[in-house]
Each structure stands twice: as C-alpha cells, then as structure tokens.
Amino acid sequence: MDKRQTLIIRYATSADSDRLTDFRISQFKTAKEFELLSPNLLAQQRGHIFIAEQHQDIVSTMQVEFSDFANFQNVCHASFDNDPTLFDTLYLSKGATIKEHRNSGLNSLLRKYTLQAALKNPRVNTLTGVAYENAPRLHLLGRLGYIITETELLTKNFTKPLGKVLFLRLDRPNFLRAIDMLQEETQELREQFEIINQTEPTWSPSYLP
C-alpha cells in the first residue's frame, strides 16, 4: 500500500479567490527580498494559476499568463529587452510556497508543468518572469539556461524591492533540457509524495493560443 502523502496540482477557480489571496499575502509577508506594499493587488488573478494542495490546504501556487509583444508591458510592469524573439511568451509570477515546503521542489514542479505545456505549442518562444536579488531559486534558473538581466519596475507594484530587480528569460531551444533538469530536481519530491496532476488533461489551456 502506498503510504505517501498526497499532493494535488490543479488550476485555481473563482471559488478559490479569497483563500488564494490570503495565501499569497501570508507568504509574501515573509519574503526577505522585498517588502509587501499593496496586498490588495495580490487579489488580481489572470491567466491560469497553479495550486498545489495538501489536505485541501494550499501549499504552493504560481500564476502563468500568455502574452504577445503588444500586451507584455501590462503583464510584466518592468522594463525589458524589446527583442521581438521574446514573444510570444508565458510570464510566470506570484509564485509562493509555504515555509515547510520551500526548497522541496514544488516551484520546480510547477515550472516543469508549464514548460511541458509550452513545448507542445510552437507559438510559445520563451518563458519570462521577474525575480529579486538573492532569491533562492536564481542559481537553479541559471543552470536551466535562463538569461538573467537587471531591470527596473516601471509602475507601482505590490512590492518594494530590497535589492536589484532581475528580468528572467528562458528561450525555447532550452525548454527540453530544462524539463529534463527539473525532472531530476523534483525526484525526491515525487518519491516523498503521491502527486495527482489534475491539469494534465488540459495541456492546451486558454492561456495558450
């Protein structure tokens, strides 16, 4: 008999809105790389939002939005290289994981699922995002092939950076290699938990054109 605990991965629905916002706020308040300024902005939900649940409690989340060149500034709120090869992109944001599961591979697992979906859609050229200086995952992202450059926030955001703001870009030629690396990175997590991925039947969700 499989005695592993269960982790359920699914997309958030409108019914999750309040507790998802509460989860984001509680986790972002503990961040060491930035100060939370506008908790109400964390209630904004766009694109598709991964939720990882244990015993029906949210333990991790990540938001994924598809964007073309024209709309990217509204999605990202930061300066970026105007290189047209950036687009079309999946922009990952508002990732958060409870303290007990940080560095467990949950964020990597959600990133892997996003890459697997992107790989099946030839229109997606990049994965993009913004991180803060000294964020724990930066070393891993560099190994995955992300191009990491300094940027600046252009509009009022929900955070005040306590260091440099970094723009993250992973180009399509690196997707497959990154998936393989994330598969290895999450091996211990997959051995520890029975992971039920309820997003898998919808590998062509609405955030992919």
Protein backbone atom coordinates (compact mmCIF):
# COMPACT_ATOMS: atom_id res chain seq x y z
CA MET A 1 0.00 0.00 0.00
CA ASP A 2 1.26 3.46 -0.94
CA LYS A 3 1.65 5.34 2.36
CA ARG A 4 2.92 8.55 0.79
CA GLN A 5 1.02 11.76 1.46
CA THR A 6 -0.89 13.19 -1.49
CA LEU A 7 -0.26 16.47 -3.29
CA ILE A 8 -2.96 17.62 -5.72
CA ILE A 9 -1.98 20.02 -8.51
CA ARG A 10 -4.84 21.84 -10.20
CA TYR A 11 -5.83 25.17 -11.69
CA ALA A 12 -7.46 27.72 -9.38
CA THR A 13 -11.11 28.60 -9.96
CA SER A 14 -13.16 31.62 -8.93
CA ALA A 15 -14.19 29.70 -5.81
CA ASP A 16 -10.54 29.75 -4.68
CA SER A 17 -10.19 33.53 -4.96
CA ASP A 18 -10.37 34.56 -1.30
CA ARG A 19 -8.22 31.84 0.16
CA LEU A 20 -5.72 32.12 -2.69
CA THR A 21 -5.35 35.83 -1.96
CA ASP A 22 -4.96 35.14 1.77
CA PHE A 23 -2.32 32.52 0.97
CA ARG A 24 -0.36 34.88 -1.27
CA ILE A 25 -0.43 37.66 1.32
CA SER A 26 0.68 35.42 4.19
CA GLN A 27 3.62 34.03 2.20
CA PHE A 28 4.72 37.31 0.61
CA LYS A 29 4.84 38.95 4.04
CA THR A 30 7.65 36.55 4.98
CA ALA A 31 9.82 37.33 1.94
CA LYS A 32 13.31 38.66 2.59
CA GLU A 33 13.91 40.05 -0.92
CA PHE A 34 11.09 42.62 -0.96
CA GLU A 35 8.55 44.46 1.16
CA LEU A 36 4.85 43.88 0.52
CA LEU A 37 3.24 47.25 -0.25
CA SER A 38 -0.23 46.62 -1.66
CA PRO A 39 -1.74 43.32 -0.54
CA ASN A 40 -4.94 44.12 -2.44
CA LEU A 41 -3.05 43.79 -5.74
CA LEU A 42 -2.36 40.17 -4.90
CA ALA A 43 -6.07 39.53 -5.37
CA GLN A 44 -5.73 40.13 -9.12
CA GLN A 45 -5.90 36.80 -10.90
CA ARG A 46 -5.12 36.44 -14.59
CA GLY A 47 -4.17 33.67 -16.93
CA HIS A 48 -4.02 30.26 -15.27
CA ILE A 49 -2.98 29.76 -11.66
CA PHE A 50 -1.47 26.54 -10.43
CA ILE A 51 -2.46 25.47 -6.92
CA ALA A 52 -0.73 22.67 -5.03
CA GLU A 53 -2.87 21.34 -2.16
CA GLN A 54 -2.13 19.06 0.75
CA HIS A 55 -5.08 18.01 2.94
CA GLN A 56 -7.13 20.62 1.00
CA ASP A 57 -4.78 23.41 2.15
CA ILE A 58 -2.86 25.46 -0.42
CA VAL A 59 0.87 24.85 -0.03
CA SER A 60 2.16 26.40 -3.28
CA THR A 61 0.96 28.48 -6.22
CA MET A 62 2.18 30.02 -9.48
CA GLN A 63 0.44 32.28 -11.99
CA VAL A 64 1.01 31.81 -15.74
CA GLU A 65 -0.08 34.34 -18.36
CA PHE A 66 0.31 34.20 -22.13
CA SER A 67 1.35 37.50 -23.70
CA ASP A 68 2.29 38.85 -27.09
CA PHE A 69 4.51 41.88 -27.66
CA ALA A 70 1.69 44.43 -27.55
CA ASN A 71 0.37 43.36 -24.15
CA PHE A 72 3.57 42.37 -22.36
CA GLN A 73 4.16 45.67 -20.61
CA ASN A 74 0.72 45.43 -18.98
CA VAL A 75 1.58 41.94 -17.76
CA CYS A 76 5.15 42.49 -16.60
CA HIS A 77 5.23 46.09 -15.24
CA ALA A 78 9.01 46.15 -15.73
CA SER A 79 11.41 47.32 -18.42
CA PHE A 80 12.58 44.61 -20.78
CA ASP A 81 14.60 43.97 -23.91
CA ASN A 82 12.48 44.91 -26.92
CA ASP A 83 13.87 41.95 -28.86
CA PRO A 84 10.87 40.56 -30.79
CA THR A 85 12.16 37.00 -30.32
CA LEU A 86 10.91 37.28 -26.73
CA PHE A 87 7.38 36.79 -27.96
CA ASP A 88 5.07 35.08 -27.69
CA THR A 89 5.80 34.31 -24.04
CA LEU A 90 4.45 32.67 -20.91
CA TYR A 91 5.00 35.00 -17.99
CA LEU A 92 5.31 33.34 -14.58
CA SER A 93 4.56 35.40 -11.49
CA LYS A 94 3.25 35.45 -7.91
CA GLY A 95 4.87 32.16 -7.02
CA ALA A 96 4.68 31.29 -3.34
CA THR A 97 5.24 28.20 -1.21
CA ILE A 98 4.73 27.61 2.50
CA LYS A 99 7.84 27.55 4.66
CA GLU A 100 7.60 23.82 5.32
CA HIS A 101 7.80 23.04 1.58
CA ARG A 102 10.28 25.67 0.42
CA ASN A 103 13.29 24.17 -1.34
CA SER A 104 11.32 20.91 -1.67
CA GLY A 105 10.95 21.20 -5.46
CA LEU A 106 7.33 22.35 -5.60
CA ASN A 107 8.14 25.54 -7.51
CA SER A 108 10.28 23.48 -9.88
CA LEU A 109 7.43 21.02 -10.40
CA LEU A 110 5.00 23.78 -11.41
CA ARG A 111 7.66 25.27 -13.70
CA LYS A 112 8.15 21.86 -15.31
CA TYR A 113 4.40 21.51 -15.96
CA THR A 114 4.40 24.96 -17.57
CA LEU A 115 7.34 24.06 -19.80
CA GLN A 116 5.71 20.79 -20.86
CA ALA A 117 2.61 22.70 -21.93
CA ALA A 118 4.69 25.34 -23.71
CA LEU A 119 6.74 22.74 -25.55
CA LYS A 120 3.58 21.37 -27.14
CA ASN A 121 2.65 24.78 -28.54
CA PRO A 122 5.02 26.04 -31.27
CA ARG A 123 3.89 29.63 -30.83
CA VAL A 124 5.46 29.96 -27.36
CA ASN A 125 9.02 31.23 -27.78
CA THR A 126 10.01 31.98 -24.19
CA LEU A 127 9.22 31.72 -20.51
CA THR A 128 9.70 35.03 -18.72
CA GLY A 129 9.41 36.43 -15.23
CA VAL A 130 10.85 38.84 -12.69
CA ALA A 131 12.84 37.93 -9.59
CA TYR A 132 14.63 39.80 -6.84
CA GLU A 133 18.28 39.81 -5.96
CA ASN A 134 19.28 36.94 -3.65
CA ALA A 135 16.13 34.95 -4.42
CA PRO A 136 16.89 31.30 -3.54
CA ARG A 137 15.93 29.94 -6.97
CA LEU A 138 18.28 32.13 -9.06
CA HIS A 139 21.11 29.59 -9.07
CA LEU A 140 18.78 26.87 -10.38
CA LEU A 141 17.31 29.16 -13.04
CA GLY A 142 20.81 29.93 -14.28
CA ARG A 143 21.54 26.21 -14.61
CA LEU A 144 18.29 25.75 -16.52
CA GLY A 145 19.50 28.21 -19.14
CA TYR A 146 17.66 31.37 -18.11
CA ILE A 147 19.15 34.66 -19.26
CA ILE A 148 19.12 36.90 -16.18
CA THR A 149 19.49 40.67 -16.58
CA GLU A 150 18.95 43.62 -14.28
CA THR A 151 15.74 45.56 -14.86
CA GLU A 152 13.50 48.07 -13.08
CA LEU A 153 9.85 48.21 -12.15
CA LEU A 154 8.05 50.82 -14.26
CA THR A 155 4.76 51.06 -12.42
CA LYS A 156 3.60 50.78 -8.84
CA ASN A 157 3.66 47.15 -7.92
CA PHE A 158 2.58 45.16 -4.88
CA THR A 159 6.20 45.01 -3.68
CA LYS A 160 9.13 47.27 -2.88
CA PRO A 161 12.38 45.56 -3.88
CA LEU A 162 15.09 45.48 -1.21
CA GLY A 163 17.75 44.91 -3.86
CA LYS A 164 18.11 44.60 -7.59
CA VAL A 165 15.16 43.55 -9.77
CA LEU A 166 16.02 40.88 -12.34
CA PHE A 167 14.33 40.00 -15.63
CA LEU A 168 14.23 36.27 -16.39
CA ARG A 169 14.10 34.78 -19.87
CA LEU A 170 14.27 31.14 -20.99
CA ASP A 171 14.36 30.62 -24.76
CA ARG A 172 12.55 27.77 -26.48
CA PRO A 173 15.72 25.89 -27.54
CA ASN A 174 16.37 25.33 -23.82
CA PHE A 175 12.87 24.06 -22.93
CA LEU A 176 13.53 20.34 -23.32
CA ARG A 177 16.82 20.45 -21.44
CA ALA A 178 15.19 22.45 -18.65
CA ILE A 179 12.35 19.91 -18.38
CA ASP A 180 14.88 17.10 -18.01
CA MET A 181 16.76 19.02 -15.31
CA LEU A 182 13.55 19.83 -13.43
CA GLN A 183 12.51 16.18 -13.62
CA GLU A 184 15.75 15.32 -11.82
CA GLU A 185 15.36 18.28 -9.45
CA THR A 186 11.92 17.06 -8.35
CA GLN A 187 12.79 13.39 -7.96
CA GLU A 188 12.89 13.50 -4.15
CA LEU A 189 9.57 15.35 -4.04
CA ARG A 190 7.96 12.74 -6.31
CA GLU A 191 9.34 9.94 -4.15
CA GLN A 192 8.04 11.58 -0.98
CA PHE A 193 4.53 12.41 -2.23
CA GLU A 194 1.90 10.88 -4.44
CA ILE A 195 1.36 13.74 -6.90
CA ILE A 196 -2.00 13.92 -8.63
CA ASN A 197 -1.76 16.35 -11.52
CA GLN A 198 -5.30 17.37 -12.43
CA THR A 199 -4.06 19.90 -15.01
CA GLU A 200 -2.53 17.25 -17.25
CA PRO A 201 -5.66 16.52 -19.35
CA THR A 202 -5.75 20.19 -20.38
CA TRP A 203 -2.32 20.69 -21.92
CA SER A 204 -3.89 23.24 -24.30
CA PRO A 205 -5.45 25.62 -21.76
CA SER A 206 -6.79 29.03 -22.67
CA TYR A 207 -3.58 30.86 -21.84
CA LEU A 208 -2.01 29.08 -24.81
CA PRO A 209 -3.21 30.42 -28.18
